[in-house]
C-alpha atoms as a PDB file:
ATOM      1  CA  UNK A   1      -0.504  20.564  -6.812  1.00  0.00           C
ATOM      2  CA  UNK A   2      -0.663  20.715  -3.022  1.00  0.00           C
ATOM      3  CA  UNK A   3      -1.678  17.297  -1.644  1.00  0.00           C
ATOM      4  CA  UNK A   4      -1.800  16.649   2.078  1.00  0.00           C
ATOM      5  CA  UNK A   5      -3.937  14.629   4.508  1.00  0.00           C
ATOM      6  CA  UNK A   6      -3.035  14.286   8.176  1.00  0.00           C
ATOM      7  CA  UNK A   7      -6.202  14.508  10.285  1.00  0.00           C
ATOM      8  CA  UNK A   8      -6.186  14.477  14.085  1.00  0.00           C
ATOM      9  CA  UNK A   9      -6.828  10.750  14.429  1.00  0.00           C
ATOM     10  CA  UNK A  10      -3.606  10.013  12.513  1.00  0.00           C
ATOM     11  CA  UNK A  11      -1.521  12.104  14.898  1.00  0.00           C
ATOM     12  CA  UNK A  12      -3.161  10.315  17.823  1.00  0.00           C
ATOM     13  CA  UNK A  13      -2.352   6.965  16.206  1.00  0.00           C
ATOM     14  CA  UNK A  14       1.327   7.879  15.753  1.00  0.00           C
ATOM     15  CA  UNK A  15       1.565   8.776  19.443  1.00  0.00           C
ATOM     16  CA  UNK A  16      -0.180   5.537  20.397  1.00  0.00           C
ATOM     17  CA  UNK A  17       2.159   3.405  18.268  1.00  0.00           C
ATOM     18  CA  UNK A  18       5.170   4.804  20.090  1.00  0.00           C
ATOM     19  CA  UNK A  19       3.594   3.930  23.441  1.00  0.00           C
ATOM     20  CA  UNK A  20       2.982   0.336  22.327  1.00  0.00           C
ATOM     21  CA  UNK A  21       6.505  -0.227  21.037  1.00  0.00           C
ATOM     22  CA  UNK A  22       7.560  -2.058  24.192  1.00  0.00           C
ATOM     23  CA  UNK A  23       4.767  -4.666  24.017  1.00  0.00           C
ATOM     24  CA  UNK A  24       5.592  -6.003  20.540  1.00  0.00           C
ATOM     25  CA  UNK A  25       8.406  -8.211  19.254  1.00  0.00           C
ATOM     26  CA  UNK A  26       8.456  -7.154  15.616  1.00  0.00           C
ATOM     27  CA  UNK A  27       6.651  -5.144  12.943  1.00  0.00           C
ATOM     28  CA  UNK A  28       4.679  -6.344   9.961  1.00  0.00           C
ATOM     29  CA  UNK A  29       4.833  -3.416   7.560  1.00  0.00           C
ATOM     30  CA  UNK A  30       2.478  -3.524   4.599  1.00  0.00           C
ATOM     31  CA  UNK A  31       3.569  -1.619   1.504  1.00  0.00           C
ATOM     32  CA  UNK A  32       1.776  -1.171  -1.795  1.00  0.00           C
ATOM     33  CA  UNK A  33       3.846  -3.101  -4.367  1.00  0.00           C
ATOM     34  CA  UNK A  34       2.944  -0.519  -7.031  1.00  0.00           C
ATOM     35  CA  UNK A  35       4.597   2.291  -5.003  1.00  0.00           C
ATOM     36  CA  UNK A  36       6.946   0.581  -2.504  1.00  0.00           C
ATOM     37  CA  UNK A  37       8.893   3.701  -1.511  1.00  0.00           C
ATOM     38  CA  UNK A  38       6.020   6.171  -1.497  1.00  0.00           C
ATOM     39  CA  UNK A  39       3.916   3.831   0.635  1.00  0.00           C
ATOM     40  CA  UNK A  40       6.605   3.490   3.335  1.00  0.00           C
ATOM     41  CA  UNK A  41       5.829   5.953   6.110  1.00  0.00           C
ATOM     42  CA  UNK A  42       9.216   7.410   7.227  1.00  0.00           C
ATOM     43  CA  UNK A  43       7.798   8.506  10.591  1.00  0.00           C
ATOM     44  CA  UNK A  44       7.009   4.910  11.605  1.00  0.00           C
ATOM     45  CA  UNK A  45      10.710   4.105  11.740  1.00  0.00           C
ATOM     46  CA  UNK A  46      11.177   7.022  14.128  1.00  0.00           C
ATOM     47  CA  UNK A  47       8.401   5.951  16.517  1.00  0.00           C
ATOM     48  CA  UNK A  48       9.237   2.224  16.289  1.00  0.00           C
ATOM     49  CA  UNK A  49      13.048   2.056  16.301  1.00  0.00           C
ATOM     50  CA  UNK A  50      15.141  -1.099  16.694  1.00  0.00           C
ATOM     51  CA  UNK A  51      12.376  -3.508  15.708  1.00  0.00           C
ATOM     52  CA  UNK A  52      12.746  -6.390  13.285  1.00  0.00           C
ATOM     53  CA  UNK A  53      10.598  -5.711  10.254  1.00  0.00           C
ATOM     54  CA  UNK A  54       8.687  -8.138   8.029  1.00  0.00           C
ATOM     55  CA  UNK A  55       7.696  -6.250   4.886  1.00  0.00           C
ATOM     56  CA  UNK A  56       4.680  -7.470   2.931  1.00  0.00           C
ATOM     57  CA  UNK A  57       4.614  -6.101  -0.593  1.00  0.00           C
ATOM     58  CA  UNK A  58       0.843  -6.187  -0.818  1.00  0.00           C
ATOM     59  CA  UNK A  59      -1.211  -6.013  -4.023  1.00  0.00           C
ATOM     60  CA  UNK A  60       1.750  -7.645  -5.749  1.00  0.00           C
ATOM     61  CA  UNK A  61      -0.716  -9.210  -8.180  1.00  0.00           C
ATOM     62  CA  UNK A  62      -1.401  -5.680  -9.480  1.00  0.00           C
ATOM     63  CA  UNK A  63       2.296  -4.744  -9.805  1.00  0.00           C
ATOM     64  CA  UNK A  64       4.813  -5.480 -12.552  1.00  0.00           C
ATOM     65  CA  UNK A  65       6.340  -8.960 -11.936  1.00  0.00           C
ATOM     66  CA  UNK A  66       9.907  -7.902 -12.791  1.00  0.00           C
ATOM     67  CA  UNK A  67       9.691  -4.913 -10.495  1.00  0.00           C
ATOM     68  CA  UNK A  68       8.293  -7.145  -7.746  1.00  0.00           C
ATOM     69  CA  UNK A  69      11.425  -9.284  -7.896  1.00  0.00           C
ATOM     70  CA  UNK A  70      13.702  -6.248  -7.979  1.00  0.00           C
ATOM     71  CA  UNK A  71      12.005  -4.634  -4.964  1.00  0.00           C
ATOM     72  CA  UNK A  72      12.239  -7.880  -3.009  1.00  0.00           C
ATOM     73  CA  UNK A  73      16.002  -7.901  -3.549  1.00  0.00           C
ATOM     74  CA  UNK A  74      16.282  -4.260  -2.455  1.00  0.00           C
ATOM     75  CA  UNK A  75      14.337  -4.701   0.778  1.00  0.00           C
ATOM     76  CA  UNK A  76      16.014  -7.982   1.684  1.00  0.00           C
ATOM     77  CA  UNK A  77      19.389  -6.224   1.610  1.00  0.00           C
ATOM     78  CA  UNK A  78      18.319  -4.152   4.617  1.00  0.00           C
ATOM     79  CA  UNK A  79      19.378  -5.193   8.115  1.00  0.00           C
ATOM     80  CA  UNK A  80      16.816  -6.785  10.445  1.00  0.00           C
ATOM     81  CA  UNK A  81      14.377  -6.996   7.534  1.00  0.00           C
ATOM     82  CA  UNK A  82      12.712  -9.707   5.518  1.00  0.00           C
ATOM     83  CA  UNK A  83      10.346  -9.041   2.632  1.00  0.00           C
ATOM     84  CA  UNK A  84       7.840 -11.186   0.770  1.00  0.00           C
ATOM     85  CA  UNK A  85       5.367 -10.641  -2.042  1.00  0.00           C
ATOM     86  CA  UNK A  86       1.902 -10.762  -0.571  1.00  0.00           C
ATOM     87  CA  UNK A  87      -1.483 -11.525  -2.073  1.00  0.00           C
ATOM     88  CA  UNK A  88      -4.329 -12.133   0.379  1.00  0.00           C
ATOM     89  CA  UNK A  89      -6.137 -14.281  -2.219  1.00  0.00           C
ATOM     90  CA  UNK A  90      -3.373 -16.904  -2.068  1.00  0.00           C
ATOM     91  CA  UNK A  91      -4.115 -19.519   0.642  1.00  0.00           C
ATOM     92  CA  UNK A  92      -0.390 -20.328   0.986  1.00  0.00           C
ATOM     93  CA  UNK A  93       0.387 -16.850   2.266  1.00  0.00           C
ATOM     94  CA  UNK A  94      -0.450 -17.609   5.883  1.00  0.00           C
ATOM     95  CA  UNK A  95       2.191 -20.315   6.211  1.00  0.00           C
ATOM     96  CA  UNK A  96       4.734 -18.249   4.254  1.00  0.00           C
ATOM     97  CA  UNK A  97       4.241 -15.343   6.645  1.00  0.00           C
ATOM     98  CA  UNK A  98       4.690 -17.539   9.738  1.00  0.00           C
ATOM     99  CA  UNK A  99       7.846 -19.082   8.287  1.00  0.00           C
ATOM    100  CA  UNK A 100       9.337 -15.657   7.587  1.00  0.00           C
ATOM    101  CA  UNK A 101       8.290 -14.349  11.013  1.00  0.00           C
ATOM    102  CA  UNK A 102      10.056 -17.236  12.768  1.00  0.00           C
ATOM    103  CA  UNK A 103      13.181 -16.799  10.628  1.00  0.00           C
ATOM    104  CA  UNK A 104      13.239 -13.048  11.251  1.00  0.00           C
ATOM    105  CA  UNK A 105      12.968 -13.551  15.011  1.00  0.00           C
ATOM    106  CA  UNK A 106      15.039 -16.723  15.396  1.00  0.00           C
ATOM    107  CA  UNK A 107      17.453 -15.086  17.879  1.00  0.00           C
ATOM    108  CA  UNK A 108      14.577 -14.012  20.099  1.00  0.00           C
ATOM    109  CA  UNK A 109      12.953 -17.442  19.869  1.00  0.00           C
ATOM    110  CA  UNK A 110      16.235 -19.112  20.794  1.00  0.00           C
ATOM    111  CA  UNK A 111      16.595 -16.895  23.867  1.00  0.00           C
ATOM    112  CA  UNK A 112      13.057 -17.718  24.921  1.00  0.00           C
ATOM    113  CA  UNK A 113      13.750 -21.407  24.503  1.00  0.00           C
ATOM    114  CA  UNK A 114      16.822 -21.137  26.747  1.00  0.00           C
ATOM    115  CA  UNK A 115      14.658 -19.473  29.395  1.00  0.00           C
ATOM    116  CA  UNK A 116      11.870 -22.052  29.037  1.00  0.00           C
ATOM    117  CA  UNK A 117       9.505 -19.572  27.392  1.00  0.00           C
ATOM    118  CA  UNK A 118       9.189 -21.167  23.954  1.00  0.00           C
ATOM    119  CA  UNK A 119       5.381 -21.371  24.287  1.00  0.00           C
ATOM    120  CA  UNK A 120       4.992 -17.601  24.130  1.00  0.00           C
ATOM    121  CA  UNK A 121       3.562 -16.210  20.892  1.00  0.00           C
ATOM    122  CA  UNK A 122       5.435 -13.667  18.825  1.00  0.00           C
ATOM    123  CA  UNK A 123       3.642 -10.341  18.973  1.00  0.00           C
ATOM    124  CA  UNK A 124       3.584  -8.247  15.825  1.00  0.00           C
ATOM    125  CA  UNK A 125       2.228  -4.785  15.131  1.00  0.00           C
ATOM    126  CA  UNK A 126       0.676  -4.476  11.661  1.00  0.00           C
ATOM    127  CA  UNK A 127       1.379  -1.025  10.242  1.00  0.00           C
ATOM    128  CA  UNK A 128       0.860   0.729   6.933  1.00  0.00           C
ATOM    129  CA  UNK A 129      -0.665   3.666   5.120  1.00  0.00           C
ATOM    130  CA  UNK A 130      -4.443   3.986   4.581  1.00  0.00           C
ATOM    131  CA  UNK A 131      -6.012   1.619   2.054  1.00  0.00           C
ATOM    132  CA  UNK A 132      -2.909  -0.560   1.741  1.00  0.00           C
ATOM    133  CA  UNK A 133      -4.914  -3.661   2.648  1.00  0.00           C
ATOM    134  CA  UNK A 134      -4.176  -4.269   6.331  1.00  0.00           C
ATOM    135  CA  UNK A 135      -7.733  -5.215   7.282  1.00  0.00           C
ATOM    136  CA  UNK A 136      -8.044  -7.602   4.339  1.00  0.00           C
ATOM    137  CA  UNK A 137      -4.725  -9.142   5.365  1.00  0.00           C
ATOM    138  CA  UNK A 138      -5.894  -9.592   8.966  1.00  0.00           C
ATOM    139  CA  UNK A 139      -9.141 -11.218   7.887  1.00  0.00           C
ATOM    140  CA  UNK A 140      -7.503 -13.558   5.379  1.00  0.00           C
ATOM    141  CA  UNK A 141      -4.918 -14.548   7.995  1.00  0.00           C
ATOM    142  CA  UNK A 142      -7.481 -15.207  10.716  1.00  0.00           C
ATOM    143  CA  UNK A 143     -10.055 -16.780   8.415  1.00  0.00           C
ATOM    144  CA  UNK A 144     -12.941 -14.657   9.622  1.00  0.00           C
ATOM    145  CA  UNK A 145     -13.935 -11.017   9.674  1.00  0.00           C
ATOM    146  CA  UNK A 146     -11.973  -9.621  12.597  1.00  0.00           C
ATOM    147  CA  UNK A 147     -11.115  -6.213  11.163  1.00  0.00           C
ATOM    148  CA  UNK A 148     -13.351  -3.726   9.415  1.00  0.00           C
ATOM    149  CA  UNK A 149     -12.838  -3.566   5.666  1.00  0.00           C
ATOM    150  CA  UNK A 150     -13.561  -0.743   3.286  1.00  0.00           C
ATOM    151  CA  UNK A 151     -12.439   0.265  -0.190  1.00  0.00           C
ATOM    152  CA  UNK A 152     -11.604   3.740   1.037  1.00  0.00           C
ATOM    153  CA  UNK A 153      -8.804   5.060   3.270  1.00  0.00           C
ATOM    154  CA  UNK A 154      -9.371   5.636   6.961  1.00  0.00           C
ATOM    155  CA  UNK A 155     -11.762   2.780   7.796  1.00  0.00           C
ATOM    156  CA  UNK A 156      -9.816   1.292  10.717  1.00  0.00           C
ATOM    157  CA  UNK A 157      -9.759   3.862  13.546  1.00  0.00           C
ATOM    158  CA  UNK A 158      -8.568   1.911  16.594  1.00  0.00           C
ATOM    159  CA  UNK A 159      -5.982  -0.664  17.662  1.00  0.00           C
ATOM    160  CA  UNK A 160      -7.110  -4.235  18.195  1.00  0.00           C
ATOM    161  CA  UNK A 161      -5.272  -7.425  19.165  1.00  0.00           C
ATOM    162  CA  UNK A 162      -5.960 -10.491  17.041  1.00  0.00           C
ATOM    163  CA  UNK A 163      -4.900 -13.486  19.133  1.00  0.00           C
ATOM    164  CA  UNK A 164      -4.520 -16.452  16.811  1.00  0.00           C
ATOM    165  CA  UNK A 165      -3.220 -19.095  19.186  1.00  0.00           C
ATOM    166  CA  UNK A 166      -0.805 -20.467  16.567  1.00  0.00           C
ATOM    167  CA  UNK A 167       2.408 -18.710  17.491  1.00  0.00           C
ATOM    168  CA  UNK A 168       1.790 -15.179  16.221  1.00  0.00           C
ATOM    169  CA  UNK A 169      -0.463 -12.498  17.727  1.00  0.00           C
ATOM    170  CA  UNK A 170      -1.286  -9.452  15.628  1.00  0.00           C
ATOM    171  CA  UNK A 171      -1.956  -5.893  16.743  1.00  0.00           C
ATOM    172  CA  UNK A 172      -3.927  -4.206  13.977  1.00  0.00           C
ATOM    173  CA  UNK A 173      -3.532  -0.427  13.771  1.00  0.00           C
ATOM    174  CA  UNK A 174      -5.182   2.362  11.773  1.00  0.00           C
ATOM    175  CA  UNK A 175      -3.536   3.427   8.535  1.00  0.00           C
ATOM    176  CA  UNK A 176      -1.441   6.565   8.938  1.00  0.00           C
ATOM    177  CA  UNK A 177       0.251   9.034   6.625  1.00  0.00           C
ATOM    178  CA  UNK A 178       2.701  11.686   7.763  1.00  0.00           C
ATOM    179  CA  UNK A 179       2.423  15.475   8.161  1.00  0.00           C
ATOM    180  CA  UNK A 180       4.375  16.562   5.075  1.00  0.00           C
ATOM    181  CA  UNK A 181       5.320  14.511   2.018  1.00  0.00           C
ATOM    182  CA  UNK A 182       8.941  14.837   0.941  1.00  0.00           C
ATOM    183  CA  UNK A 183       8.136  15.341  -2.754  1.00  0.00           C
ATOM    184  CA  UNK A 184       5.141  16.036  -4.945  1.00  0.00           C
ATOM    185  CA  UNK A 185       5.812  12.730  -6.677  1.00  0.00           C
ATOM    186  CA  UNK A 186       5.242  10.818  -3.424  1.00  0.00           C
ATOM    187  CA  UNK A 187       2.028  12.748  -2.776  1.00  0.00           C
ATOM    188  CA  UNK A 188       0.735  11.969  -6.266  1.00  0.00           C
ATOM    189  CA  UNK A 189       1.635   8.284  -5.989  1.00  0.00           C
ATOM    190  CA  UNK A 190      -0.332   8.008  -2.748  1.00  0.00           C
ATOM    191  CA  UNK A 191      -3.266   9.726  -4.420  1.00  0.00           C
ATOM    192  CA  UNK A 192      -3.087   7.471  -7.498  1.00  0.00           C
ATOM    193  CA  UNK A 193      -3.475   4.274  -5.442  1.00  0.00           C
ATOM    194  CA  UNK A 194      -6.278   5.693  -3.277  1.00  0.00           C
ATOM    195  CA  UNK A 195      -4.452   6.229   0.019  1.00  0.00           C
ATOM    196  CA  UNK A 196      -5.711   9.814   0.122  1.00  0.00           C
ATOM    197  CA  UNK A 197      -9.442  10.411  -0.035  1.00  0.00           C
ATOM    198  CA  UNK A 198     -10.536  11.318  -3.569  1.00  0.00           C
ATOM    199  CA  UNK A 199     -12.857  14.029  -2.271  1.00  0.00           C
ATOM    200  CA  UNK A 200      -9.804  15.929  -0.988  1.00  0.00           C
ATOM    201  CA  UNK A 201      -8.171  15.948  -4.426  1.00  0.00           C
ATOM    202  CA  UNK A 202      -8.428  17.790  -7.709  1.00  0.00           C
ATOM    203  CA  UNK A 203      -8.990  14.568  -9.621  1.00  0.00           C
ATOM    204  CA  UNK A 204      -9.012  16.180 -13.059  1.00  0.00           C
ATOM    205  CA  UNK A 205      -5.557  17.734 -12.599  1.00  0.00           C
ATOM    206  CA  UNK A 206      -4.315  14.528 -10.976  1.00  0.00           C
ATOM    207  CA  UNK A 207      -5.592  12.526 -13.956  1.00  0.00           C
ATOM    208  CA  UNK A 208      -3.451  14.608 -16.316  1.00  0.00           C
ATOM    209  CA  UNK A 209      -0.382  13.807 -14.229  1.00  0.00           C
ATOM    210  CA  UNK A 210      -1.332  10.131 -14.144  1.00  0.00           C
ATOM    211  CA  UNK A 211      -1.724   9.970 -17.925  1.00  0.00           C
ATOM    212  CA  UNK A 212       1.743  11.510 -18.238  1.00  0.00           C
ATOM    213  CA  UNK A 213       3.112   8.898 -15.815  1.00  0.00           C
ATOM    214  CA  UNK A 214       1.622   5.978 -17.744  1.00  0.00           C
ATOM    215  CA  UNK A 215       2.820   7.369 -21.064  1.00  0.00           C
ATOM    216  CA  UNK A 216       6.376   7.377 -19.714  1.00  0.00           C
ATOM    217  CA  UNK A 217       6.066   3.743 -18.619  1.00  0.00           C
ATOM    218  CA  UNK A 218       4.362   2.508 -21.788  1.00  0.00           C
ATOM    219  CA  UNK A 219       1.705   4.355 -23.826  1.00  0.00           C
ATOM    220  CA  UNK A 220       0.389   1.025 -25.089  1.00  0.00           C
ATOM    221  CA  UNK A 221      -1.171   0.515 -21.636  1.00  0.00           C
ATOM    222  CA  UNK A 222      -3.678   3.265 -22.423  1.00  0.00           C
ATOM    223  CA  UNK A 223      -4.028   2.286 -26.071  1.00  0.00           C
ATOM    224  CA  UNK A 224      -4.929  -1.325 -25.272  1.00  0.00           C
ATOM    225  CA  UNK A 225      -7.267  -0.477 -22.398  1.00  0.00           C
ATOM    226  CA  UNK A 226      -9.239   2.261 -24.126  1.00  0.00           C
ATOM    227  CA  UNK A 227      -8.789   1.542 -27.818  1.00  0.00           C
ATOM    228  CA  UNK A 228      -7.313   4.962 -28.525  1.00  0.00           C
ATOM    229  CA  UNK A 229      -4.216   6.380 -30.133  1.00  0.00           C
ATOM    230  CA  UNK A 230      -1.984   8.051 -27.566  1.00  0.00           C
ATOM    231  CA  UNK A 231      -0.839  11.187 -29.356  1.00  0.00           C
ATOM    232  CA  UNK A 232      -0.849  14.895 -28.620  1.00  0.00           C
ATOM    233  CA  UNK A 233      -1.124  16.386 -25.145  1.00  0.00           C
ATOM    234  CA  UNK A 234      -2.222  14.621 -21.985  1.00  0.00           C
ATOM    235  CA  UNK A 235      -5.480  16.591 -22.143  1.00  0.00           C
ATOM    236  CA  UNK A 236      -6.088  15.281 -25.652  1.00  0.00           C
ATOM    237  CA  UNK A 237      -5.544  11.743 -24.370  1.00  0.00           C
ATOM    238  CA  UNK A 238      -8.179  12.347 -21.669  1.00  0.00           C
ATOM    239  CA  UNK A 239     -10.495  13.716 -24.357  1.00  0.00           C
ATOM    240  CA  UNK A 240      -9.986  10.566 -26.434  1.00  0.00           C
ATOM    241  CA  UNK A 241     -10.759   8.316 -23.457  1.00  0.00           C
ATOM    242  CA  UNK A 242     -13.857  10.383 -22.659  1.00  0.00           C
ATOM    243  CA  UNK A 243     -15.182  10.119 -26.208  1.00  0.00           C
ATOM    244  CA  UNK A 244     -14.465   6.400 -26.369  1.00  0.00           C
ATOM    245  CA  UNK A 245     -16.212   5.720 -23.050  1.00  0.00           C
ATOM    246  CA  UNK A 246     -19.122   8.117 -23.533  1.00  0.00           C
ATOM    247  CA  UNK A 247     -18.118  10.484 -20.743  1.00  0.00           C
ATOM    248  CA  UNK A 248     -19.914  13.408 -22.358  1.00  0.00           C
ATOM    249  CA  UNK A 249     -21.899  16.110 -20.583  1.00  0.00           C
ATOM    250  CA  UNK A 250     -25.282  17.385 -21.779  1.00  0.00           C
ATOM    251  CA  UNK A 251     -23.628  20.217 -23.659  1.00  0.00           C
ATOM    252  CA  UNK A 252     -21.504  17.780 -25.626  1.00  0.00           C
ATOM    253  CA  UNK A 253     -18.351  18.508 -23.661  1.00  0.00           C
ATOM    254  CA  UNK A 254     -16.032  15.956 -22.088  1.00  0.00           C
ATOM    255  CA  UNK A 255     -17.016  15.168 -18.484  1.00  0.00           C
ATOM    256  CA  UNK A 256     -13.516  15.283 -16.990  1.00  0.00           C
ATOM    257  CA  UNK A 257     -14.700  14.314 -13.521  1.00  0.00           C
ATOM    258  CA  UNK A 258     -16.199  11.120 -14.932  1.00  0.00           C
ATOM    259  CA  UNK A 259     -13.134  10.369 -17.077  1.00  0.00           C
ATOM    260  CA  UNK A 260     -10.807  10.898 -14.115  1.00  0.00           C
ATOM    261  CA  UNK A 261     -12.827   8.604 -11.851  1.00  0.00           C
ATOM    262  CA  UNK A 262     -12.907   5.966 -14.593  1.00  0.00           C
ATOM    263  CA  UNK A 263      -9.155   6.192 -15.099  1.00  0.00           C
ATOM    264  CA  UNK A 264      -8.286   5.750 -11.422  1.00  0.00           C
ATOM    265  CA  UNK A 265     -10.853   3.018 -10.892  1.00  0.00           C
ATOM    266  CA  UNK A 266      -9.353   1.051 -13.777  1.00  0.00           C
ATOM    267  CA  UNK A 267      -5.829   1.473 -12.431  1.00  0.00           C
ATOM    268  CA  UNK A 268      -6.671   0.631  -8.818  1.00  0.00           C
ATOM    269  CA  UNK A 269      -8.555  -2.516  -9.820  1.00  0.00           C
ATOM    270  CA  UNK A 270      -5.852  -3.734 -12.193  1.00  0.00           C
ATOM    271  CA  UNK A 271      -7.858  -3.352 -15.390  1.00  0.00           C
ATOM    272  CA  UNK A 272      -4.919  -1.633 -17.076  1.00  0.00           C
ATOM    273  CA  UNK A 273      -2.635  -4.550 -16.351  1.00  0.00           C
ATOM    274  CA  UNK A 274       0.179  -4.951 -13.837  1.00  0.00           C
ATOM    275  CA  UNK A 275       1.811  -1.572 -13.286  1.00  0.00           C
ATOM    276  CA  UNK A 276       4.539  -0.397 -10.897  1.00  0.00           C
ATOM    277  CA  UNK A 277       5.016   3.366 -10.660  1.00  0.00           C
ATOM    278  CA  UNK A 278       8.410   3.280  -8.892  1.00  0.00           C
ATOM    279  CA  UNK A 279      11.493   1.669 -10.323  1.00  0.00           C
ATOM    280  CA  UNK A 280      13.552  -0.404  -7.887  1.00  0.00           C
ATOM    281  CA  UNK A 281      16.757   1.035  -9.285  1.00  0.00           C
ATOM    282  CA  UNK A 282      16.226   4.580  -8.096  1.00  0.00           C
ATOM    283  CA  UNK A 283      13.643   6.257 -10.302  1.00  0.00           C
ATOM    284  CA  UNK A 284      11.266   7.557  -7.595  1.00  0.00           C
END
């Protein structure tokens, strides 16, 4: 399956990020906790080199708790990096983020203090792939609607400074992917979580791959959610879900488009439970 999405506005954004590198102190990189590796844009490191990085594993409430802990350990081993589990619904997140930002940039803050510049805010660029939750993060951090929000990728199209006046200024940026995904697995993971527009995808074929993925993790996930027996081929599993949920066309056939949409909607909204698609110990 050939999956790719890199429209012109994303290329423009990548160029713009490189130009703004010299006006920021550090990066806040939002990753999807369900696909931590696949949601990390490798090109951003190239255009924003030598910057301290605060990683927010967003949507951690939808990811497997054990994997959350394991991914935190992996990211916190990296130099010039701190990582935290993030959930915009938790009111304690704002203070946790500020604490980590100060710790990450303590050398810079000390230098500023020596020069009598301790009153200057830290300036952070918020980066991430489409639909990872950057706008929701900005709004929960500020406490008002400062960034546009949508449940589809590609809503934010321009850079905007959010000046908080409490020690950290945020530069919100549009979500960007990269021109060519390294593996088909990465492309599928991005599609599963909704970072690629559904209308660009063959959802029925993607659903078969997703069923296979969930069966490898734990077939009981599908059995408990849909009240079916997970046996036979992946297509037969889709058929069983369709029959159970009444996704039947007028001719009595399974409506695979409807079943596929149902499947991904349930996964993306956490109705299947807390699922991580990438293992922290190397199974990408």
